[in-house]
N, C-alpha and C. Protein backbone atom coordinates (compact mmCIF):
# COMPACT_ATOMS: atom_id res chain seq x y z
N MET A 1 -11.40 -6.60 -17.96
CA MET A 1 -9.90 -6.26 -17.67
C MET A 1 -9.82 -6.89 -15.99
N PHE A 2 -11.07 -6.26 -15.11
CA PHE A 2 -10.69 -6.38 -13.73
C PHE A 2 -10.61 -7.81 -13.27
N ARG A 3 -11.54 -8.52 -13.89
CA ARG A 3 -11.87 -10.03 -13.48
C ARG A 3 -10.70 -10.90 -13.50
N PRO A 4 -9.85 -10.86 -14.93
CA PRO A 4 -8.85 -11.48 -15.27
C PRO A 4 -7.65 -11.32 -14.08
N PHE A 5 -7.63 -10.17 -13.95
CA PHE A 5 -6.66 -9.78 -13.04
C PHE A 5 -6.63 -10.22 -11.71
N ALA A 6 -8.17 -10.05 -11.00
CA ALA A 6 -8.49 -10.45 -9.69
C ALA A 6 -8.17 -11.97 -9.76
N ASP A 7 -8.76 -12.66 -10.71
CA ASP A 7 -8.69 -14.26 -10.88
C ASP A 7 -6.91 -14.69 -10.87
N ALA A 8 -6.36 -13.91 -11.26
CA ALA A 8 -4.72 -14.32 -11.50
C ALA A 8 -4.19 -14.04 -10.33
N VAL A 9 -4.53 -12.83 -9.45
CA VAL A 9 -3.96 -12.89 -8.06
C VAL A 9 -4.26 -13.85 -7.23
N ARG A 10 -5.68 -14.30 -7.23
CA ARG A 10 -6.20 -15.27 -6.68
C ARG A 10 -5.47 -16.61 -6.48
N ARG A 11 -5.43 -16.94 -7.81
CA ARG A 11 -4.91 -17.77 -7.97
C ARG A 11 -3.32 -17.92 -7.46
N ARG A 12 -2.72 -17.22 -7.90
CA ARG A 12 -1.19 -17.12 -7.28
C ARG A 12 -0.81 -17.18 -5.73
N LEU A 13 -2.09 -16.53 -5.27
CA LEU A 13 -1.84 -16.50 -3.56
C LEU A 13 -2.50 -17.84 -3.15
N ASP A 14 -3.35 -18.40 -3.88
CA ASP A 14 -3.57 -19.80 -3.49
C ASP A 14 -2.35 -21.04 -3.76
N TRP A 15 -1.53 -20.49 -4.60
CA TRP A 15 -0.33 -21.37 -5.02
C TRP A 15 0.55 -21.03 -3.92
N ARG A 16 0.59 -19.95 -3.53
CA ARG A 16 1.98 -19.25 -2.32
C ARG A 16 1.36 -19.62 -1.07
N THR A 17 0.09 -19.89 -0.75
CA THR A 17 -0.60 -20.43 0.42
C THR A 17 -0.19 -21.95 0.33
N LYS A 18 -0.33 -22.65 -0.77
CA LYS A 18 0.02 -24.38 -0.72
C LYS A 18 1.32 -24.43 -0.44
N GLN A 19 2.42 -23.47 -0.75
CA GLN A 19 3.91 -23.64 -0.84
C GLN A 19 4.23 -23.15 0.51
N SER A 20 3.38 -22.75 1.42
CA SER A 20 3.78 -22.02 2.85
C SER A 20 4.79 -20.81 2.82
N GLN A 21 4.55 -20.04 1.31
CA GLN A 21 5.39 -18.71 1.35
C GLN A 21 4.76 -17.48 2.27
N PRO A 22 5.58 -17.11 2.70
CA PRO A 22 5.27 -15.78 3.62
C PRO A 22 4.91 -15.04 2.15
N THR A 23 3.67 -14.26 2.51
CA THR A 23 3.13 -13.01 1.42
C THR A 23 2.54 -11.73 2.01
N ILE A 24 2.88 -10.81 1.64
CA ILE A 24 2.23 -9.68 1.89
C ILE A 24 2.09 -8.70 0.64
N ILE A 25 0.61 -8.60 0.99
CA ILE A 25 -0.21 -7.63 -0.62
C ILE A 25 0.24 -6.34 -0.38
N VAL A 26 0.67 -5.87 -1.53
CA VAL A 26 1.12 -4.25 -1.87
C VAL A 26 0.31 -4.05 -3.07
N GLY A 27 -0.60 -2.62 -2.90
CA GLY A 27 -0.94 -2.21 -4.09
C GLY A 27 -0.45 -0.76 -4.11
N VAL A 28 -0.12 -0.11 -5.16
CA VAL A 28 0.62 1.21 -5.06
C VAL A 28 -0.32 2.25 -6.12
N HIS A 29 -1.10 3.23 -5.38
CA HIS A 29 -2.07 4.39 -6.44
C HIS A 29 -0.91 5.53 -5.84
N SER A 30 -2.00 6.60 -6.72
CA SER A 30 -1.46 7.89 -6.43
C SER A 30 -2.72 8.75 -6.21
N PHE A 31 -2.81 9.82 -5.66
CA PHE A 31 -3.87 10.78 -5.37
C PHE A 31 -3.25 12.06 -5.69
N THR A 32 -4.66 12.82 -5.41
CA THR A 32 -4.34 14.24 -6.14
C THR A 32 -3.98 15.48 -4.72
N PRO A 33 -3.12 16.37 -5.13
CA PRO A 33 -2.78 17.04 -3.69
C PRO A 33 -3.78 17.62 -2.84
N VAL A 34 -5.22 18.14 -4.09
CA VAL A 34 -6.01 18.98 -3.42
C VAL A 34 -7.49 18.27 -3.80
N TYR A 35 -8.28 18.05 -3.03
CA TYR A 35 -9.70 17.36 -3.44
C TYR A 35 -10.50 17.94 -2.67
N SER A 36 -11.82 18.42 -4.09
CA SER A 36 -12.97 19.26 -3.25
C SER A 36 -12.35 20.31 -2.44
N GLY A 37 -11.53 21.00 -2.99
CA GLY A 37 -11.10 22.42 -2.71
C GLY A 37 -10.08 22.10 -0.85
N THR A 38 -10.08 21.16 -0.72
CA THR A 38 -9.13 20.54 0.27
C THR A 38 -7.68 20.39 0.44
N VAL A 39 -6.61 20.94 1.06
CA VAL A 39 -5.31 20.27 0.64
C VAL A 39 -5.28 19.03 1.27
N ARG A 40 -4.30 18.05 0.98
CA ARG A 40 -3.95 16.88 1.50
C ARG A 40 -2.64 17.22 1.80
N PRO A 41 -2.26 17.34 3.17
CA PRO A 41 -0.88 17.49 3.56
C PRO A 41 0.19 16.19 3.24
N TRP A 42 -0.46 15.15 3.26
CA TRP A 42 0.29 14.18 3.11
C TRP A 42 1.03 13.83 1.97
N HIS A 43 2.08 13.34 1.76
CA HIS A 43 3.30 13.23 0.96
C HIS A 43 2.85 11.52 0.20
N ALA A 44 2.17 10.93 1.46
CA ALA A 44 1.86 9.69 0.91
C ALA A 44 0.96 9.01 2.04
N GLY A 45 0.58 7.93 1.72
CA GLY A 45 -0.49 7.43 3.09
C GLY A 45 -0.30 6.08 2.78
N VAL A 46 -0.52 5.12 4.00
CA VAL A 46 -0.57 3.67 4.02
C VAL A 46 -1.92 3.39 4.41
N LEU A 47 -2.51 2.90 3.57
CA LEU A 47 -3.88 2.28 3.80
C LEU A 47 -4.08 0.66 4.20
N TYR A 48 -4.63 0.55 5.06
CA TYR A 48 -4.77 -1.05 5.98
C TYR A 48 -6.23 -1.34 6.18
N GLY A 49 -6.36 -2.58 6.36
CA GLY A 49 -7.68 -3.10 6.76
C GLY A 49 -7.15 -3.61 8.04
N GLU A 50 -7.29 -5.03 8.21
CA GLU A 50 -7.05 -5.67 9.38
C GLU A 50 -5.30 -5.83 9.96
N ALA A 51 -4.72 -5.36 9.05
CA ALA A 51 -3.18 -5.33 8.95
C ALA A 51 -2.65 -4.20 10.06
N LYS A 52 -3.34 -3.57 11.02
CA LYS A 52 -3.04 -2.73 11.68
C LYS A 52 -1.62 -2.71 12.35
N VAL A 53 -1.02 -3.79 12.93
CA VAL A 53 0.32 -3.62 13.16
C VAL A 53 1.56 -3.47 12.19
N PHE A 54 1.12 -4.07 10.92
CA PHE A 54 1.78 -4.17 9.85
C PHE A 54 2.04 -2.89 9.13
N GLY A 55 0.79 -2.06 9.14
CA GLY A 55 0.36 -0.91 8.59
C GLY A 55 1.21 0.31 9.52
N ARG A 56 0.89 0.19 10.63
CA ARG A 56 1.95 1.35 11.45
C ARG A 56 3.40 1.11 11.35
N ALA A 57 3.79 -0.10 11.42
CA ALA A 57 5.04 -0.34 11.08
C ALA A 57 5.42 0.21 10.15
N LEU A 58 4.82 -0.25 8.67
CA LEU A 58 5.28 0.36 7.38
C LEU A 58 5.01 1.84 7.27
N ILE A 59 4.44 2.54 7.97
CA ILE A 59 4.33 4.12 8.02
C ILE A 59 5.49 4.54 8.87
N ALA A 60 5.79 4.07 9.80
CA ALA A 60 6.96 4.46 10.71
C ALA A 60 8.05 4.20 9.61
N ALA A 61 8.22 2.86 9.06
CA ALA A 61 9.59 2.77 8.13
C ALA A 61 9.57 3.60 7.07
N LEU A 62 8.56 4.28 6.47
CA LEU A 62 8.34 5.24 5.35
C LEU A 62 8.79 6.58 6.10
N GLU A 63 8.56 6.82 7.46
CA GLU A 63 8.88 8.39 7.64
C GLU A 63 10.04 8.32 8.34
N LYS A 64 10.73 7.34 8.56
CA LYS A 64 12.05 7.38 9.03
C LYS A 64 12.79 7.14 7.60
N GLU A 65 12.34 6.58 6.58
CA GLU A 65 13.27 6.64 5.48
C GLU A 65 13.09 8.03 4.18
N THR A 66 12.12 8.63 4.38
CA THR A 66 11.90 9.87 3.55
C THR A 66 12.05 10.81 4.22
N GLY A 67 11.62 11.20 5.72
CA GLY A 67 11.43 12.05 6.43
C GLY A 67 10.40 12.92 6.18
N LEU A 68 9.23 12.43 5.31
CA LEU A 68 7.90 12.96 4.99
C LEU A 68 6.41 12.80 5.65
N ILE A 69 5.90 13.58 5.56
CA ILE A 69 4.53 13.15 6.07
C ILE A 69 3.69 12.12 5.45
N ILE A 70 3.84 10.92 6.19
CA ILE A 70 2.94 9.91 5.50
C ILE A 70 1.64 9.51 6.61
N GLY A 71 0.33 9.50 6.07
CA GLY A 71 -0.70 9.65 6.51
C GLY A 71 -1.27 7.93 6.97
N ASP A 72 -1.85 7.85 7.97
CA ASP A 72 -2.27 6.56 8.41
C ASP A 72 -3.60 6.45 8.26
N ASN A 73 -3.84 5.45 7.18
CA ASN A 73 -5.28 5.33 6.79
C ASN A 73 -5.45 6.63 6.00
N GLU A 74 -5.11 7.37 5.23
CA GLU A 74 -4.99 8.79 4.66
C GLU A 74 -4.48 8.50 3.07
N PRO A 75 -4.89 9.03 2.23
CA PRO A 75 -5.98 10.00 2.22
C PRO A 75 -7.61 9.52 2.12
N TYR A 76 -7.73 8.46 2.41
CA TYR A 76 -8.66 7.52 2.81
C TYR A 76 -8.72 6.26 3.59
N ASN A 77 -9.55 5.53 4.20
CA ASN A 77 -9.16 4.39 4.87
C ASN A 77 -9.86 3.51 3.67
N ILE A 78 -9.66 2.02 4.28
CA ILE A 78 -9.94 0.67 3.61
C ILE A 78 -11.37 0.47 3.83
N HIS A 79 -12.25 0.20 3.03
CA HIS A 79 -13.58 0.02 3.78
C HIS A 79 -13.96 -1.41 2.75
N PRO A 80 -14.65 -2.28 3.44
CA PRO A 80 -14.77 -3.79 2.80
C PRO A 80 -15.81 -3.63 1.94
N ASP A 81 -16.76 -2.51 1.79
CA ASP A 81 -18.05 -2.44 0.68
C ASP A 81 -17.38 -1.44 -0.55
N GLU A 82 -16.13 -1.07 -0.23
CA GLU A 82 -15.76 -0.33 -1.22
C GLU A 82 -14.66 -0.70 -2.20
N ASP A 83 -13.85 -1.19 -1.08
CA ASP A 83 -12.45 -1.47 -1.43
C ASP A 83 -12.31 -3.05 -2.17
N TYR A 84 -11.43 -3.30 -3.08
CA TYR A 84 -11.49 -4.92 -3.47
C TYR A 84 -10.00 -5.58 -2.69
N THR A 85 -8.92 -5.08 -2.92
CA THR A 85 -7.79 -5.36 -3.06
C THR A 85 -7.33 -6.07 -1.68
N VAL A 86 -7.40 -5.29 -0.94
CA VAL A 86 -6.98 -5.34 0.54
C VAL A 86 -8.03 -5.93 1.33
N PRO A 87 -9.24 -5.94 1.49
CA PRO A 87 -10.40 -6.78 1.60
C PRO A 87 -10.38 -8.44 1.15
N THR A 88 -10.40 -8.48 -0.06
CA THR A 88 -10.19 -9.52 -0.66
C THR A 88 -9.22 -10.60 -0.56
N HIS A 89 -8.54 -10.01 -1.28
CA HIS A 89 -7.03 -10.70 -1.26
C HIS A 89 -5.94 -10.67 0.13
N ALA A 90 -6.55 -10.04 0.89
CA ALA A 90 -5.40 -9.75 2.11
C ALA A 90 -6.35 -10.06 3.15
N ASP A 91 -6.94 -9.27 4.07
CA ASP A 91 -8.08 -9.07 5.23
C ASP A 91 -8.65 -10.59 5.13
N SER A 92 -9.13 -11.25 4.01
CA SER A 92 -10.13 -12.60 3.92
C SER A 92 -9.26 -13.63 3.95
N ARG A 93 -7.90 -13.56 3.99
CA ARG A 93 -7.01 -14.56 3.88
C ARG A 93 -6.01 -14.64 5.16
N GLY A 94 -6.20 -13.47 6.00
CA GLY A 94 -5.45 -13.35 7.18
C GLY A 94 -4.12 -12.90 6.95
N LEU A 95 -3.59 -12.30 5.75
CA LEU A 95 -2.54 -11.91 5.28
C LEU A 95 -2.23 -10.25 5.57
N PRO A 96 -1.18 -10.15 5.51
CA PRO A 96 -0.99 -8.43 5.61
C PRO A 96 -1.19 -7.68 4.55
N GLY A 97 -1.84 -6.61 4.20
CA GLY A 97 -1.90 -6.24 2.93
C GLY A 97 -2.34 -4.60 3.15
N PHE A 98 -1.92 -3.91 2.05
CA PHE A 98 -1.70 -2.42 2.01
C PHE A 98 -2.08 -1.65 0.74
N LEU A 99 -2.67 -0.61 0.89
CA LEU A 99 -2.66 -0.01 -0.52
C LEU A 99 -1.58 1.66 0.34
N ILE A 100 -0.26 1.35 -0.88
CA ILE A 100 0.12 2.99 -0.81
C ILE A 100 -0.14 3.84 -1.47
N GLU A 101 -0.34 4.99 -1.47
CA GLU A 101 -0.97 6.26 -2.07
C GLU A 101 0.33 7.07 -1.94
N VAL A 102 0.59 7.50 -3.13
CA VAL A 102 1.79 8.75 -3.29
C VAL A 102 1.09 10.09 -4.11
N ARG A 103 1.36 10.98 -3.48
CA ARG A 103 0.60 12.40 -4.00
C ARG A 103 1.75 12.38 -5.42
N HIS A 104 0.40 12.68 -6.26
CA HIS A 104 0.57 13.17 -8.00
C HIS A 104 1.93 13.85 -7.86
N ASP A 105 1.64 14.68 -7.51
CA ASP A 105 3.08 15.99 -7.76
C ASP A 105 4.24 15.50 -7.23
N LEU A 106 4.68 14.11 -6.64
CA LEU A 106 5.70 13.78 -6.33
C LEU A 106 6.22 12.75 -6.90
N ILE A 107 5.46 12.31 -8.02
CA ILE A 107 5.96 11.46 -8.92
C ILE A 107 5.31 11.65 -10.62
N GLU A 108 5.83 12.86 -10.60
CA GLU A 108 6.09 13.57 -11.97
C GLU A 108 7.07 13.11 -12.92
N THR A 109 8.10 12.71 -12.57
CA THR A 109 9.15 12.52 -13.37
C THR A 109 9.82 11.16 -13.03
N LEU A 110 10.64 10.19 -14.06
CA LEU A 110 11.13 9.05 -13.67
C LEU A 110 11.90 9.10 -12.62
N ASP A 111 12.68 10.09 -12.28
CA ASP A 111 13.69 10.10 -11.29
C ASP A 111 12.78 10.44 -9.75
N ASP A 112 11.59 10.90 -9.99
CA ASP A 112 10.74 10.93 -8.89
C ASP A 112 10.26 9.63 -8.39
N VAL A 113 9.81 9.02 -9.59
CA VAL A 113 9.07 7.48 -9.61
C VAL A 113 10.48 6.59 -8.78
N ALA A 114 11.53 6.61 -9.42
CA ALA A 114 12.91 5.74 -9.16
C ALA A 114 13.02 6.14 -7.87
N GLN A 115 13.02 7.32 -7.18
CA GLN A 115 13.15 7.52 -5.63
C GLN A 115 12.25 7.00 -5.02
N TRP A 116 10.96 6.75 -5.33
CA TRP A 116 9.96 6.59 -4.41
C TRP A 116 10.18 5.12 -4.83
N GLY A 117 10.50 4.47 -5.70
CA GLY A 117 10.97 2.74 -5.64
C GLY A 117 11.42 2.66 -4.63
N ARG A 118 12.89 3.63 -4.45
CA ARG A 118 13.79 3.14 -3.59
C ARG A 118 13.30 2.86 -2.32
N TRP A 119 12.84 4.04 -1.80
CA TRP A 119 12.39 4.50 -0.73
C TRP A 119 11.22 3.16 -0.13
N LEU A 120 10.30 2.88 -1.12
CA LEU A 120 9.51 1.78 -0.49
C LEU A 120 10.27 0.20 -0.62
N THR A 121 10.92 0.35 -1.40
CA THR A 121 11.68 -1.16 -1.31
C THR A 121 12.51 -0.95 0.06
N SER A 122 12.92 -0.30 0.33
CA SER A 122 13.73 -0.02 1.66
C SER A 122 12.74 -0.11 3.16
N ALA A 123 11.61 0.54 3.11
CA ALA A 123 10.88 0.49 3.64
C ALA A 123 9.77 -0.60 3.94
N LEU A 124 9.55 -1.56 2.74
CA LEU A 124 8.98 -2.68 2.84
C LEU A 124 9.88 -3.95 3.16
N SER A 125 11.10 -3.74 2.70
CA SER A 125 11.83 -4.76 3.23
C SER A 125 12.08 -4.79 4.62
N ALA A 126 12.22 -3.63 5.50
CA ALA A 126 12.18 -3.48 6.60
C ALA A 126 11.25 -4.14 7.34
N VAL A 127 9.88 -3.95 7.03
CA VAL A 127 9.05 -4.34 7.66
C VAL A 127 8.50 -5.73 7.32
N ALA A 128 9.14 -6.43 6.48
CA ALA A 128 8.75 -7.80 5.92
C ALA A 128 9.94 -8.76 6.69
N SER A 129 11.12 -8.16 6.94
CA SER A 129 12.24 -8.97 7.74
C SER A 129 11.73 -8.65 9.25
N ALA A 130 11.11 -8.17 9.55
CA ALA A 130 10.72 -7.96 11.04
C ALA A 130 10.16 -8.62 11.69
């Protein structure tokens, strides 16, 4: 399952590069509110590697859009030896790339998911057009 997906992403990015299309890599995951007995205070987090300027701009846009606490490389940070999408598909190509982590308890219902979809769309659009 992993290899076919990764290969499809690589082929699509190769095509976009040949077409000179602007590209931003975005992955969305979720995280637990408590990990190993420690409460995680963030409502969401933006994880990035080389794309520090874009990552911090996305954090600012999400904070403005939501009024929530957005972690800067929290609840964890991107590590080239432990992560795949951002180091492989974004950083290695010189493309901006992020993982957006949303806390589990904030996406429990379809309405919650739809709200986060609106917030992420607005924030990503603001960063992409800047």
